[in-house]
Amino acid sequence: QVQLVESGGVLVQPGGSLRLSCAASGTAFSLYAMDWYRQDPEKQRDLVARISSDGTTDYADSVKGRFTISRDNAKSTVYLQMNTLKPEDTAVYYCYIHRLNHVSYWGQGTQVTVSS
């Protein structure tokens, strides 16, 4: 059974930084792409960043230049480094593991609040 456990979400002031972690278990982590999504209440869940199994990354326009996704295959963990945070970055952040022709999984989410 695949499990994803996110951590690192807290209350931070505008302009601050935060690093989210998502630890995976129960799967061959290095073969999977990993995404970070975020969701505001009453809004859809939007893709924030993606890192493929070969390390290729992609970002939503709203976070380019501020957020960095990375992975440590030895630890089966994906990270999201978030800098220059803005109030509009406030959301529940979810990690998502996926691979073509395989079942995909969501983490439980971690709350990030950007407020003074």
PDB file of N, CA and C in Angstrom:
ATOM      1  N   GLN A   1       0.832  -1.176   0.000  1.00  0.00           N
ATOM      2  CA  GLN A   1       0.000   0.000   0.000  1.00  0.00           C
ATOM      3  C   GLN A   1       0.885   1.251   0.000  1.00  0.00           C
ATOM      4  N   VAL A   2       0.664   2.122  -0.994  1.00  0.00           N
ATOM      5  CA  VAL A   2       1.443   3.345  -1.091  1.00  0.00           C
ATOM      6  C   VAL A   2       0.910   4.368  -0.096  1.00  0.00           C
ATOM      7  N   GLN A   3       1.814   5.010   0.593  1.00  0.00           N
ATOM      8  CA  GLN A   3       1.447   6.095   1.511  1.00  0.00           C
ATOM      9  C   GLN A   3       2.308   7.314   1.228  1.00  0.00           C
ATOM     10  N   LEU A   4       1.678   8.489   1.270  1.00  0.00           N
ATOM     11  CA  LEU A   4       2.370   9.762   1.116  1.00  0.00           C
ATOM     12  C   LEU A   4       2.075  10.591   2.355  1.00  0.00           C
ATOM     13  N   VAL A   5       3.115  11.095   2.975  1.00  0.00           N
ATOM     14  CA  VAL A   5       2.949  11.891   4.188  1.00  0.00           C
ATOM     15  C   VAL A   5       3.616  13.240   3.982  1.00  0.00           C
ATOM     16  N   GLU A   6       2.789  14.295   3.937  1.00  0.00           N
ATOM     17  CA  GLU A   6       3.315  15.647   3.780  1.00  0.00           C
ATOM     18  C   GLU A   6       3.596  16.261   5.139  1.00  0.00           C
ATOM     19  N   SER A   7       4.538  17.187   5.151  1.00  0.00           N
ATOM     20  CA  SER A   7       4.834  17.928   6.365  1.00  0.00           C
ATOM     21  C   SER A   7       5.427  19.282   5.990  1.00  0.00           C
ATOM     22  N   GLY A   8       5.457  20.187   6.972  1.00  0.00           N
ATOM     23  CA  GLY A   8       6.106  21.473   6.769  1.00  0.00           C
ATOM     24  C   GLY A   8       5.164  22.657   6.662  1.00  0.00           C
ATOM     25  N   GLY A   9       3.887  22.430   6.571  1.00  0.00           N
ATOM     26  CA  GLY A   9       2.949  23.540   6.455  1.00  0.00           C
ATOM     27  C   GLY A   9       2.778  24.266   7.781  1.00  0.00           C
ATOM     28  N   VAL A  10       2.897  25.581   7.740  1.00  0.00           N
ATOM     29  CA  VAL A  10       2.762  26.412   8.939  1.00  0.00           C
ATOM     30  C   VAL A  10       2.232  27.782   8.543  1.00  0.00           C
ATOM     31  N   LEU A  11       2.093  28.644   9.530  1.00  0.00           N
ATOM     32  CA  LEU A  11       1.777  30.052   9.309  1.00  0.00           C
ATOM     33  C   LEU A  11       3.100  30.801   9.115  1.00  0.00           C
ATOM     34  N   VAL A  12       3.175  31.568   8.014  1.00  0.00           N
ATOM     35  CA  VAL A  12       4.398  32.320   7.716  1.00  0.00           C
ATOM     36  C   VAL A  12       4.008  33.707   7.240  1.00  0.00           C
ATOM     37  N   GLN A  13       4.880  34.664   7.485  1.00  0.00           N
ATOM     38  CA  GLN A  13       4.600  36.041   7.069  1.00  0.00           C
ATOM     39  C   GLN A  13       4.865  36.237   5.574  1.00  0.00           C
ATOM     40  N   PRO A  14       4.199  37.174   4.945  1.00  0.00           N
ATOM     41  CA  PRO A  14       4.492  37.480   3.543  1.00  0.00           C
ATOM     42  C   PRO A  14       5.976  37.799   3.351  1.00  0.00           C
ATOM     43  N   GLY A  15       6.524  37.276   2.268  1.00  0.00           N
ATOM     44  CA  GLY A  15       7.946  37.438   2.001  1.00  0.00           C
ATOM     45  C   GLY A  15       8.809  36.353   2.600  1.00  0.00           C
ATOM     46  N   GLY A  16       8.220  35.518   3.422  1.00  0.00           N
ATOM     47  CA  GLY A  16       8.968  34.461   4.080  1.00  0.00           C
ATOM     48  C   GLY A  16       9.164  33.242   3.202  1.00  0.00           C
ATOM     49  N   SER A  17       9.837  32.245   3.767  1.00  0.00           N
ATOM     50  CA  SER A  17      10.142  31.008   3.058  1.00  0.00           C
ATOM     51  C   SER A  17       9.666  29.808   3.862  1.00  0.00           C
ATOM     52  N   LEU A  18       9.473  28.716   3.143  1.00  0.00           N
ATOM     53  CA  LEU A  18       8.978  27.493   3.761  1.00  0.00           C
ATOM     54  C   LEU A  18       9.386  26.331   2.883  1.00  0.00           C
ATOM     55  N   ARG A  19       9.666  25.184   3.481  1.00  0.00           N
ATOM     56  CA  ARG A  19       9.930  23.985   2.702  1.00  0.00           C
ATOM     57  C   ARG A  19       8.963  22.888   3.113  1.00  0.00           C
ATOM     58  N   LEU A  20       8.223  22.395   2.134  1.00  0.00           N
ATOM     59  CA  LEU A  20       7.340  21.261   2.347  1.00  0.00           C
ATOM     60  C   LEU A  20       8.056  19.975   1.968  1.00  0.00           C
ATOM     61  N   SER A  21       7.703  18.902   2.670  1.00  0.00           N
ATOM     62  CA  SER A  21       8.248  17.575   2.367  1.00  0.00           C
ATOM     63  C   SER A  21       7.106  16.599   2.168  1.00  0.00           C
ATOM     64  N   CYS A  22       7.356  15.623   1.331  1.00  0.00           N
ATOM     65  CA  CYS A  22       6.385  14.551   1.117  1.00  0.00           C
ATOM     66  C   CYS A  22       7.170  13.250   1.043  1.00  0.00           C
ATOM     67  N   ALA A  23       6.987  12.409   2.054  1.00  0.00           N
ATOM     68  CA  ALA A  23       7.694  11.139   2.119  1.00  0.00           C
ATOM     69  C   ALA A  23       6.785  10.022   1.626  1.00  0.00           C
ATOM     70  N   ALA A  24       7.306   9.219   0.708  1.00  0.00           N
ATOM     71  CA  ALA A  24       6.542   8.118   0.127  1.00  0.00           C
ATOM     72  C   ALA A  24       7.043   6.789   0.663  1.00  0.00           C
ATOM     73  N   SER A  25       6.138   5.838   0.758  1.00  0.00           N
ATOM     74  CA  SER A  25       6.499   4.483   1.142  1.00  0.00           C
ATOM     75  C   SER A  25       5.632   3.512   0.366  1.00  0.00           C
ATOM     76  N   GLY A  26       6.136   2.279   0.222  1.00  0.00           N
ATOM     77  CA  GLY A  26       5.350   1.239  -0.417  1.00  0.00           C
ATOM     78  C   GLY A  26       5.398   1.218  -1.923  1.00  0.00           C
ATOM     79  N   THR A  27       6.393   1.905  -2.523  1.00  0.00           N
ATOM     80  CA  THR A  27       6.481   1.917  -3.977  1.00  0.00           C
ATOM     81  C   THR A  27       7.907   2.192  -4.421  1.00  0.00           C
ATOM     82  N   ALA A  28       8.167   1.914  -5.702  1.00  0.00           N
ATOM     83  CA  ALA A  28       9.477   2.220  -6.281  1.00  0.00           C
ATOM     84  C   ALA A  28       9.513   3.695  -6.636  1.00  0.00           C
ATOM     85  N   PHE A  29       9.807   4.506  -5.650  1.00  0.00           N
ATOM     86  CA  PHE A  29       9.673   5.963  -5.730  1.00  0.00           C
ATOM     87  C   PHE A  29      10.374   6.550  -6.945  1.00  0.00           C
ATOM     88  N   SER A  30      11.569   6.099  -7.244  1.00  0.00           N
ATOM     89  CA  SER A  30      12.373   6.719  -8.301  1.00  0.00           C
ATOM     90  C   SER A  30      11.735   6.590  -9.681  1.00  0.00           C
ATOM     91  N   LEU A  31      10.795   5.680  -9.843  1.00  0.00           N
ATOM     92  CA  LEU A  31      10.171   5.462 -11.146  1.00  0.00           C
ATOM     93  C   LEU A  31       8.952   6.356 -11.383  1.00  0.00           C
ATOM     94  N   TYR A  32       8.554   7.084 -10.369  1.00  0.00           N
ATOM     95  CA  TYR A  32       7.334   7.861 -10.425  1.00  0.00           C
ATOM     96  C   TYR A  32       7.616   9.361 -10.563  1.00  0.00           C
ATOM     97  N   ALA A  33       6.694  10.037 -11.249  1.00  0.00           N
ATOM     98  CA  ALA A  33       6.676  11.495 -11.232  1.00  0.00           C
ATOM     99  C   ALA A  33       5.976  11.944  -9.948  1.00  0.00           C
ATOM    100  N   MET A  34       6.391  13.100  -9.454  1.00  0.00           N
ATOM    101  CA  MET A  34       5.822  13.641  -8.229  1.00  0.00           C
ATOM    102  C   MET A  34       5.340  15.066  -8.487  1.00  0.00           C
ATOM    103  N   ASP A  35       4.151  15.351  -8.029  1.00  0.00           N
ATOM    104  CA  ASP A  35       3.575  16.684  -8.191  1.00  0.00           C
ATOM    105  C   ASP A  35       3.242  17.286  -6.832  1.00  0.00           C
ATOM    106  N   TRP A  36       3.232  18.602  -6.806  1.00  0.00           N
ATOM    107  CA  TRP A  36       2.615  19.353  -5.706  1.00  0.00           C
ATOM    108  C   TRP A  36       1.416  20.105  -6.281  1.00  0.00           C
ATOM    109  N   TYR A  37       0.272  19.944  -5.630  1.00  0.00           N
ATOM    110  CA  TYR A  37      -0.938  20.688  -5.953  1.00  0.00           C
ATOM    111  C   TYR A  37      -1.305  21.538  -4.738  1.00  0.00           C
ATOM    112  N   ARG A  38      -2.169  22.519  -4.981  1.00  0.00           N
ATOM    113  CA  ARG A  38      -2.717  23.275  -3.866  1.00  0.00           C
ATOM    114  C   ARG A  38      -4.187  23.566  -4.127  1.00  0.00           C
ATOM    115  N   GLN A  39      -4.898  23.763  -3.024  1.00  0.00           N
ATOM    116  CA  GLN A  39      -6.337  23.967  -3.127  1.00  0.00           C
ATOM    117  C   GLN A  39      -6.817  24.943  -2.061  1.00  0.00           C
ATOM    118  N   ASP A  40      -7.503  26.006  -2.526  1.00  0.00           N
ATOM    119  CA  ASP A  40      -8.197  26.912  -1.628  1.00  0.00           C
ATOM    120  C   ASP A  40      -9.595  26.339  -1.383  1.00  0.00           C
ATOM    121  N   PRO A  41     -10.206  26.725  -0.267  1.00  0.00           N
ATOM    122  CA  PRO A  41     -11.600  26.299  -0.069  1.00  0.00           C
ATOM    123  C   PRO A  41     -12.472  26.776  -1.225  1.00  0.00           C
ATOM    124  N   GLU A  42     -13.378  25.948  -1.665  1.00  0.00           N
ATOM    125  CA  GLU A  42     -14.347  26.269  -2.714  1.00  0.00           C
ATOM    126  C   GLU A  42     -13.690  26.485  -4.079  1.00  0.00           C
ATOM    127  N   LYS A  43     -12.428  26.117  -4.235  1.00  0.00           N
ATOM    128  CA  LYS A  43     -11.767  26.220  -5.527  1.00  0.00           C
ATOM    129  C   LYS A  43     -11.237  24.857  -5.939  1.00  0.00           C
ATOM    130  N   GLN A  44     -10.868  24.737  -7.208  1.00  0.00           N
ATOM    131  CA  GLN A  44     -10.333  23.473  -7.680  1.00  0.00           C
ATOM    132  C   GLN A  44      -8.888  23.305  -7.209  1.00  0.00           C
ATOM    133  N   ARG A  45      -8.430  22.074  -7.291  1.00  0.00           N
ATOM    134  CA  ARG A  45      -7.058  21.766  -6.924  1.00  0.00           C
ATOM    135  C   ARG A  45      -6.171  22.033  -8.140  1.00  0.00           C
ATOM    136  N   ASP A  46      -5.173  22.886  -7.970  1.00  0.00           N
ATOM    137  CA  ASP A  46      -4.332  23.306  -9.080  1.00  0.00           C
ATOM    138  C   ASP A  46      -2.915  22.763  -8.953  1.00  0.00           C
ATOM    139  N   LEU A  47      -2.331  22.415 -10.091  1.00  0.00           N
ATOM    140  CA  LEU A  47      -0.945  21.963 -10.130  1.00  0.00           C
ATOM    141  C   LEU A  47      -0.005  23.127  -9.851  1.00  0.00           C
ATOM    142  N   VAL A  48       0.922  22.921  -8.931  1.00  0.00           N
ATOM    143  CA  VAL A  48       1.908  23.937  -8.587  1.00  0.00           C
ATOM    144  C   VAL A  48       3.249  23.614  -9.237  1.00  0.00           C
ATOM    145  N   ALA A  49       3.695  22.369  -9.089  1.00  0.00           N
ATOM    146  CA  ALA A  49       5.011  21.983  -9.608  1.00  0.00           C
ATOM    147  C   ALA A  49       5.040  20.486  -9.832  1.00  0.00           C
ATOM    148  N   ARG A  50       5.888  20.095 -10.767  1.00  0.00           N
ATOM    149  CA  ARG A  50       6.036  18.670 -11.099  1.00  0.00           C
ATOM    150  C   ARG A  50       7.513  18.356 -11.300  1.00  0.00           C
ATOM    151  N   ILE A  51       7.909  17.172 -10.836  1.00  0.00           N
ATOM    152  CA  ILE A  51       9.247  16.668 -11.136  1.00  0.00           C
ATOM    153  C   ILE A  51       9.096  15.241 -11.643  1.00  0.00           C
ATOM    154  N   SER A  52       9.632  14.991 -12.817  1.00  0.00           N
ATOM    155  CA  SER A  52       9.498  13.672 -13.414  1.00  0.00           C
ATOM    156  C   SER A  52      10.539  12.719 -12.834  1.00  0.00           C
ATOM    157  N   SER A  53      10.463  11.454 -13.256  1.00  0.00           N
ATOM    158  CA  SER A  53      11.394  10.457 -12.739  1.00  0.00           C
ATOM    159  C   SER A  53      12.829  10.763 -13.169  1.00  0.00           C
ATOM    160  N   ASP A  54      12.993  11.492 -14.274  1.00  0.00           N
ATOM    161  CA  ASP A  54      14.346  11.836 -14.722  1.00  0.00           C
ATOM    162  C   ASP A  54      14.812  13.194 -14.208  1.00  0.00           C
ATOM    163  N   GLY A  55      13.994  13.823 -13.366  1.00  0.00           N
ATOM    164  CA  GLY A  55      14.384  15.090 -12.759  1.00  0.00           C
ATOM    165  C   GLY A  55      13.917  16.331 -13.481  1.00  0.00           C
ATOM    166  N   THR A  56      13.240  16.174 -14.596  1.00  0.00           N
ATOM    167  CA  THR A  56      12.701  17.338 -15.305  1.00  0.00           C
ATOM    168  C   THR A  56      11.618  18.003 -14.464  1.00  0.00           C
ATOM    169  N   THR A  57      11.664  19.330 -14.412  1.00  0.00           N
ATOM    170  CA  THR A  57      10.708  20.054 -13.587  1.00  0.00           C
ATOM    171  C   THR A  57       9.826  20.978 -14.425  1.00  0.00           C
ATOM    172  N   ASP A  58       8.671  21.302 -13.868  1.00  0.00           N
ATOM    173  CA  ASP A  58       7.737  22.223 -14.507  1.00  0.00           C
ATOM    174  C   ASP A  58       6.976  22.929 -13.404  1.00  0.00           C
ATOM    175  N   TYR A  59       6.592  24.201 -13.658  1.00  0.00           N
ATOM    176  CA  TYR A  59       5.959  25.009 -12.634  1.00  0.00           C
ATOM    177  C   TYR A  59       4.769  25.776 -13.191  1.00  0.00           C
ATOM    178  N   ALA A  60       3.819  26.041 -12.314  1.00  0.00           N
ATOM    179  CA  ALA A  60       2.749  26.971 -12.660  1.00  0.00           C
ATOM    180  C   ALA A  60       3.349  28.358 -12.806  1.00  0.00           C
ATOM    181  N   ASP A  61       2.787  29.154 -13.702  1.00  0.00           N
ATOM    182  CA  ASP A  61       3.316  30.496 -13.927  1.00  0.00           C
ATOM    183  C   ASP A  61       3.337  31.328 -12.652  1.00  0.00           C
ATOM    184  N   SER A  62       2.360  31.103 -11.788  1.00  0.00           N
ATOM    185  CA  SER A  62       2.226  31.919 -10.579  1.00  0.00           C
ATOM    186  C   SER A  62       3.351  31.688  -9.571  1.00  0.00           C
ATOM    187  N   VAL A  63       4.097  30.600  -9.723  1.00  0.00           N
ATOM    188  CA  VAL A  63       5.154  30.298  -8.747  1.00  0.00           C
ATOM    189  C   VAL A  63       6.546  30.253  -9.368  1.00  0.00           C
ATOM    190  N   LYS A  64       6.637  30.406 -10.673  1.00  0.00           N
ATOM    191  CA  LYS A  64       7.951  30.358 -11.325  1.00  0.00           C
ATOM    192  C   LYS A  64       8.880  31.418 -10.756  1.00  0.00           C
ATOM    193  N   GLY A  65      10.097  30.999 -10.466  1.00  0.00           N
ATOM    194  CA  GLY A  65      11.078  31.911  -9.891  1.00  0.00           C
ATOM    195  C   GLY A  65      11.007  32.020  -8.384  1.00  0.00           C
ATOM    196  N   ARG A  66       9.942  31.499  -7.783  1.00  0.00           N
ATOM    197  CA  ARG A  66       9.802  31.561  -6.318  1.00  0.00           C
ATOM    198  C   ARG A  66       9.838  30.180  -5.668  1.00  0.00           C
ATOM    199  N   PHE A  67       9.290  29.194  -6.350  1.00  0.00           N
ATOM    200  CA  PHE A  67       9.218  27.829  -5.806  1.00  0.00           C
ATOM    201  C   PHE A  67      10.185  26.912  -6.550  1.00  0.00           C
ATOM    202  N   THR A  68      10.712  25.933  -5.829  1.00  0.00           N
ATOM    203  CA  THR A  68      11.595  24.935  -6.428  1.00  0.00           C
ATOM    204  C   THR A  68      11.193  23.560  -5.933  1.00  0.00           C
ATOM    205  N   ILE A  69      10.937  22.663  -6.862  1.00  0.00           N
ATOM    206  CA  ILE A  69      10.642  21.277  -6.511  1.00  0.00           C
ATOM    207  C   ILE A  69      11.902  20.450  -6.694  1.00  0.00           C
ATOM    208  N   SER A  70      12.107  19.511  -5.779  1.00  0.00           N
ATOM    209  CA  SER A  70      13.266  18.621  -5.880  1.00  0.00           C
ATOM    210  C   SER A  70      12.891  17.274  -5.280  1.00  0.00           C
ATOM    211  N   ARG A  71      13.736  16.299  -5.536  1.00  0.00           N
ATOM    212  CA  ARG A  71      13.463  14.966  -5.003  1.00  0.00           C
ATOM    213  C   ARG A  71      14.760  14.321  -4.538  1.00  0.00           C
ATOM    214  N   ASP A  72      14.624  13.473  -3.530  1.00  0.00           N
ATOM    215  CA  ASP A  72      15.725  12.668  -3.024  1.00  0.00           C
ATOM    216  C   ASP A  72      15.268  11.221  -3.098  1.00  0.00           C
ATOM    217  N   ASN A  73      15.687  10.526  -4.129  1.00  0.00           N
ATOM    218  CA  ASN A  73      15.222   9.152  -4.329  1.00  0.00           C
ATOM    219  C   ASN A  73      15.707   8.219  -3.227  1.00  0.00           C
ATOM    220  N   ALA A  74      16.853   8.492  -2.652  1.00  0.00           N
ATOM    221  CA  ALA A  74      17.359   7.649  -1.572  1.00  0.00           C
ATOM    222  C   ALA A  74      16.457   7.721  -0.338  1.00  0.00           C
ATOM    223  N   LYS A  75      15.795   8.856  -0.169  1.00  0.00           N
ATOM    224  CA  LYS A  75      14.889   9.032   0.967  1.00  0.00           C
ATOM    225  C   LYS A  75      13.422   8.904   0.562  1.00  0.00           C
ATOM    226  N   SER A  76      13.173   8.660  -0.718  1.00  0.00           N
ATOM    227  CA  SER A  76      11.794   8.568  -1.234  1.00  0.00           C
ATOM    228  C   SER A  76      10.985   9.793  -0.838  1.00  0.00           C
ATOM    229  N   THR A  77      11.583  10.945  -1.017  1.00  0.00           N
ATOM    230  CA  THR A  77      10.968  12.190  -0.564  1.00  0.00           C
ATOM    231  C   THR A  77      11.050  13.247  -1.657  1.00  0.00           C
ATOM    232  N   VAL A  78       9.975  14.005  -1.794  1.00  0.00           N
ATOM    233  CA  VAL A  78       9.948  15.156  -2.681  1.00  0.00           C
ATOM    234  C   VAL A  78       9.770  16.402  -1.824  1.00  0.00           C
ATOM    235  N   TYR A  79      10.393  17.488  -2.260  1.00  0.00           N
ATOM    236  CA  TYR A  79      10.372  18.736  -1.511  1.00  0.00           C
ATOM    237  C   TYR A  79       9.793  19.851  -2.371  1.00  0.00           C
ATOM    238  N   LEU A  80       9.249  20.841  -1.695  1.00  0.00           N
ATOM    239  CA  LEU A  80       8.845  22.079  -2.363  1.00  0.00           C
ATOM    240  C   LEU A  80       9.383  23.239  -1.539  1.00  0.00           C
ATOM    241  N   GLN A  81      10.423  23.870  -2.075  1.00  0.00           N
ATOM    242  CA  GLN A  81      10.986  25.049  -1.431  1.00  0.00           C
ATOM    243  C   GLN A  81      10.203  26.261  -1.934  1.00  0.00           C
ATOM    244  N   MET A  82       9.628  27.001  -1.007  1.00  0.00           N
ATOM    245  CA  MET A  82       8.784  28.143  -1.359  1.00  0.00           C
ATOM    246  C   MET A  82       9.403  29.406  -0.785  1.00  0.00           C
ATOM    247  N   ASN A  83       9.758  30.327  -1.651  1.00  0.00           N
ATOM    248  CA  ASN A  83      10.354  31.591  -1.240  1.00  0.00           C
ATOM    249  C   ASN A  83       9.456  32.755  -1.631  1.00  0.00           C
ATOM    250  N   THR A  84       9.714  33.896  -1.029  1.00  0.00           N
ATOM    251  CA  THR A  84       8.954  35.110  -1.325  1.00  0.00           C
ATOM    252  C   THR A  84       7.449  34.820  -1.310  1.00  0.00           C
ATOM    253  N   LEU A  85       7.010  34.218  -0.244  1.00  0.00           N
ATOM    254  CA  LEU A  85       5.610  33.803  -0.159  1.00  0.00           C
ATOM    255  C   LEU A  85       4.670  34.997  -0.125  1.00  0.00           C
ATOM    256  N   LYS A  86       3.507  34.797  -0.744  1.00  0.00           N
ATOM    257  CA  LYS A  86       2.475  35.830  -0.839  1.00  0.00           C
ATOM    258  C   LYS A  86       1.189  35.315  -0.189  1.00  0.00           C
ATOM    259  N   PRO A  87       0.326  36.206   0.246  1.00  0.00           N
ATOM    260  CA  PRO A  87      -0.954  35.753   0.826  1.00  0.00           C
ATOM    261  C   PRO A  87      -1.735  34.829  -0.112  1.00  0.00           C
ATOM    262  N   GLU A  88      -1.629  35.054  -1.402  1.00  0.00           N
ATOM    263  CA  GLU A  88      -2.367  34.207  -2.349  1.00  0.00           C
ATOM    264  C   GLU A  88      -1.774  32.803  -2.477  1.00  0.00           C
ATOM    265  N   ASP A  89      -0.646  32.545  -1.835  1.00  0.00           N
ATOM    266  CA  ASP A  89      -0.106  31.186  -1.779  1.00  0.00           C
ATOM    267  C   ASP A  89      -0.770  30.355  -0.684  1.00  0.00           C
ATOM    268  N   THR A  90      -1.599  30.995   0.120  1.00  0.00           N
ATOM    269  CA  THR A  90      -2.302  30.290   1.180  1.00  0.00           C
ATOM    270  C   THR A  90      -3.212  29.220   0.594  1.00  0.00           C
ATOM    271  N   ALA A  91      -3.053  27.992   1.053  1.00  0.00           N
ATOM    272  CA  ALA A  91      -3.828  26.866   0.540  1.00  0.00           C
ATOM    273  C   ALA A  91      -3.427  25.602   1.293  1.00  0.00           C
ATOM    274  N   VAL A  92      -4.181  24.549   1.060  1.00  0.00           N
ATOM    275  CA  VAL A  92      -3.734  23.220   1.464  1.00  0.00           C
ATOM    276  C   VAL A  92      -2.904  22.661   0.310  1.00  0.00           C
ATOM    277  N   TYR A  93      -1.704  22.212   0.614  1.00  0.00           N
ATOM    278  CA  TYR A  93      -0.788  21.679  -0.390  1.00  0.00           C
ATOM    279  C   TYR A  93      -0.781  20.153  -0.307  1.00  0.00           C
ATOM    280  N   TYR A  94      -0.931  19.531  -1.480  1.00  0.00           N
ATOM    281  CA  TYR A  94      -0.993  18.078  -1.577  1.00  0.00           C
ATOM    282  C   TYR A  94       0.125  17.566  -2.472  1.00  0.00           C
ATOM    283  N   CYS A  95       0.718  16.459  -2.114  1.00  0.00           N
ATOM    284  CA  CYS A  95       1.610  15.800  -3.057  1.00  0.00           C
ATOM    285  C   CYS A  95       0.854  14.658  -3.734  1.00  0.00           C
ATOM    286  N   TYR A  96       1.316  14.353  -4.920  1.00  0.00           N
ATOM    287  CA  TYR A  96       0.633  13.390  -5.786  1.00  0.00           C
ATOM    288  C   TYR A  96       1.700  12.590  -6.508  1.00  0.00           C
ATOM    289  N   ILE A  97       1.591  11.263  -6.444  1.00  0.00           N
ATOM    290  CA  ILE A  97       2.567  10.386  -7.086  1.00  0.00           C
ATOM    291  C   ILE A  97       1.876   9.681  -8.244  1.00  0.00           C
ATOM    292  N   HIS A  98       2.523   9.636  -9.404  1.00  0.00           N
ATOM    293  CA  HIS A  98       1.857   9.037 -10.565  1.00  0.00           C
ATOM    294  C   HIS A  98       2.882   8.500 -11.552  1.00  0.00           C
ATOM    295  N   ARG A  99       2.395   7.534 -12.315  1.00  0.00           N
ATOM    296  CA  ARG A  99       3.234   6.877 -13.322  1.00  0.00           C
ATOM    297  C   ARG A  99       2.303   6.262 -14.344  1.00  0.00           C
ATOM    298  N   LEU A 100       2.645   6.365 -15.593  1.00  0.00           N
ATOM    299  CA  LEU A 100       1.810   5.844 -16.674  1.00  0.00           C
ATOM    300  C   LEU A 100       1.472   4.376 -16.434  1.00  0.00           C
ATOM    301  N   ASN A 101       0.185   4.061 -16.573  1.00  0.00           N
ATOM    302  CA  ASN A 101      -0.322   2.698 -16.433  1.00  0.00           C
ATOM    303  C   ASN A 101      -0.195   2.138 -15.018  1.00  0.00           C
ATOM    304  N   HIS A 102      -0.037   3.015 -14.057  1.00  0.00           N
ATOM    305  CA  HIS A 102      -0.006   2.598 -12.652  1.00  0.00           C
ATOM    306  C   HIS A 102      -0.991   3.446 -11.851  1.00  0.00           C
ATOM    307  N   VAL A 103      -1.414   2.902 -10.736  1.00  0.00           N
ATOM    308  CA  VAL A 103      -2.320   3.642  -9.857  1.00  0.00           C
ATOM    309  C   VAL A 103      -1.590   4.845  -9.280  1.00  0.00           C
ATOM    310  N   SER A 104      -2.312   5.964  -9.163  1.00  0.00           N
ATOM    311  CA  SER A 104      -1.740   7.164  -8.575  1.00  0.00           C
ATOM    312  C   SER A 104      -2.320   7.385  -7.177  1.00  0.00           C
ATOM    313  N   TYR A 105      -1.622   8.199  -6.389  1.00  0.00           N
ATOM    314  CA  TYR A 105      -2.017   8.389  -4.992  1.00  0.00           C
ATOM    315  C   TYR A 105      -1.841   9.855  -4.582  1.00  0.00           C
ATOM    316  N   TRP A 106      -2.687  10.268  -3.645  1.00  0.00           N
ATOM    317  CA  TRP A 106      -2.606  11.604  -3.047  1.00  0.00           C
ATOM    318  C   TRP A 106      -2.159  11.507  -1.595  1.00  0.00           C
ATOM    319  N   GLY A 107      -1.446  12.539  -1.155  1.00  0.00           N
ATOM    320  CA  GLY A 107      -1.185  12.681   0.259  1.00  0.00           C
ATOM    321  C   GLY A 107      -2.383  13.308   0.956  1.00  0.00           C
ATOM    322  N   GLN A 108      -2.273  13.485   2.274  1.00  0.00           N
ATOM    323  CA  GLN A 108      -3.402  13.989   3.057  1.00  0.00           C
ATOM    324  C   GLN A 108      -3.477  15.503   3.062  1.00  0.00           C
ATOM    325  N   GLY A 109      -2.416  16.171   2.634  1.00  0.00           N
ATOM    326  CA  GLY A 109      -2.405  17.626   2.569  1.00  0.00           C
ATOM    327  C   GLY A 109      -1.773  18.257   3.789  1.00  0.00           C
ATOM    328  N   THR A 110      -1.193  19.440   3.576  1.00  0.00           N
ATOM    329  CA  THR A 110      -0.625  20.224   4.667  1.00  0.00           C
ATOM    330  C   THR A 110      -0.988  21.694   4.437  1.00  0.00           C
ATOM    331  N   GLN A 111      -1.427  22.362   5.485  1.00  0.00           N
ATOM    332  CA  GLN A 111      -1.923  23.731   5.368  1.00  0.00           C
ATOM    333  C   GLN A 111      -0.771  24.727   5.393  1.00  0.00           C
ATOM    334  N   VAL A 112      -0.750  25.590   4.398  1.00  0.00           N
ATOM    335  CA  VAL A 112       0.189  26.714   4.356  1.00  0.00           C
ATOM    336  C   VAL A 112      -0.628  27.991   4.435  1.00  0.00           C
ATOM    337  N   THR A 113      -0.324  28.824   5.408  1.00  0.00           N
ATOM    338  CA  THR A 113      -1.012  30.097   5.566  1.00  0.00           C
ATOM    339  C   THR A 113       0.013  31.220   5.536  1.00  0.00           C
ATOM    340  N   VAL A 114      -0.179  32.161   4.624  1.00  0.00           N
ATOM    341  CA  VAL A 114       0.723  33.305   4.492  1.00  0.00           C
ATOM    342  C   VAL A 114      -0.046  34.539   4.934  1.00  0.00           C
ATOM    343  N   SER A 115       0.332  35.057   6.070  1.00  0.00           N
ATOM    344  CA  SER A 115      -0.409  36.189   6.644  1.00  0.00           C
ATOM    345  C   SER A 115       0.463  36.920   7.647  1.00  0.00           C
ATOM    346  N   SER A 116       0.226  38.223   7.741  1.00  0.00           N
ATOM    347  CA  SER A 116       0.931  39.016   8.754  1.00  0.00           C
ATOM    348  C   SER A 116       0.094  39.136  10.020  1.00  0.00           C
TER     349      SER A 116
END
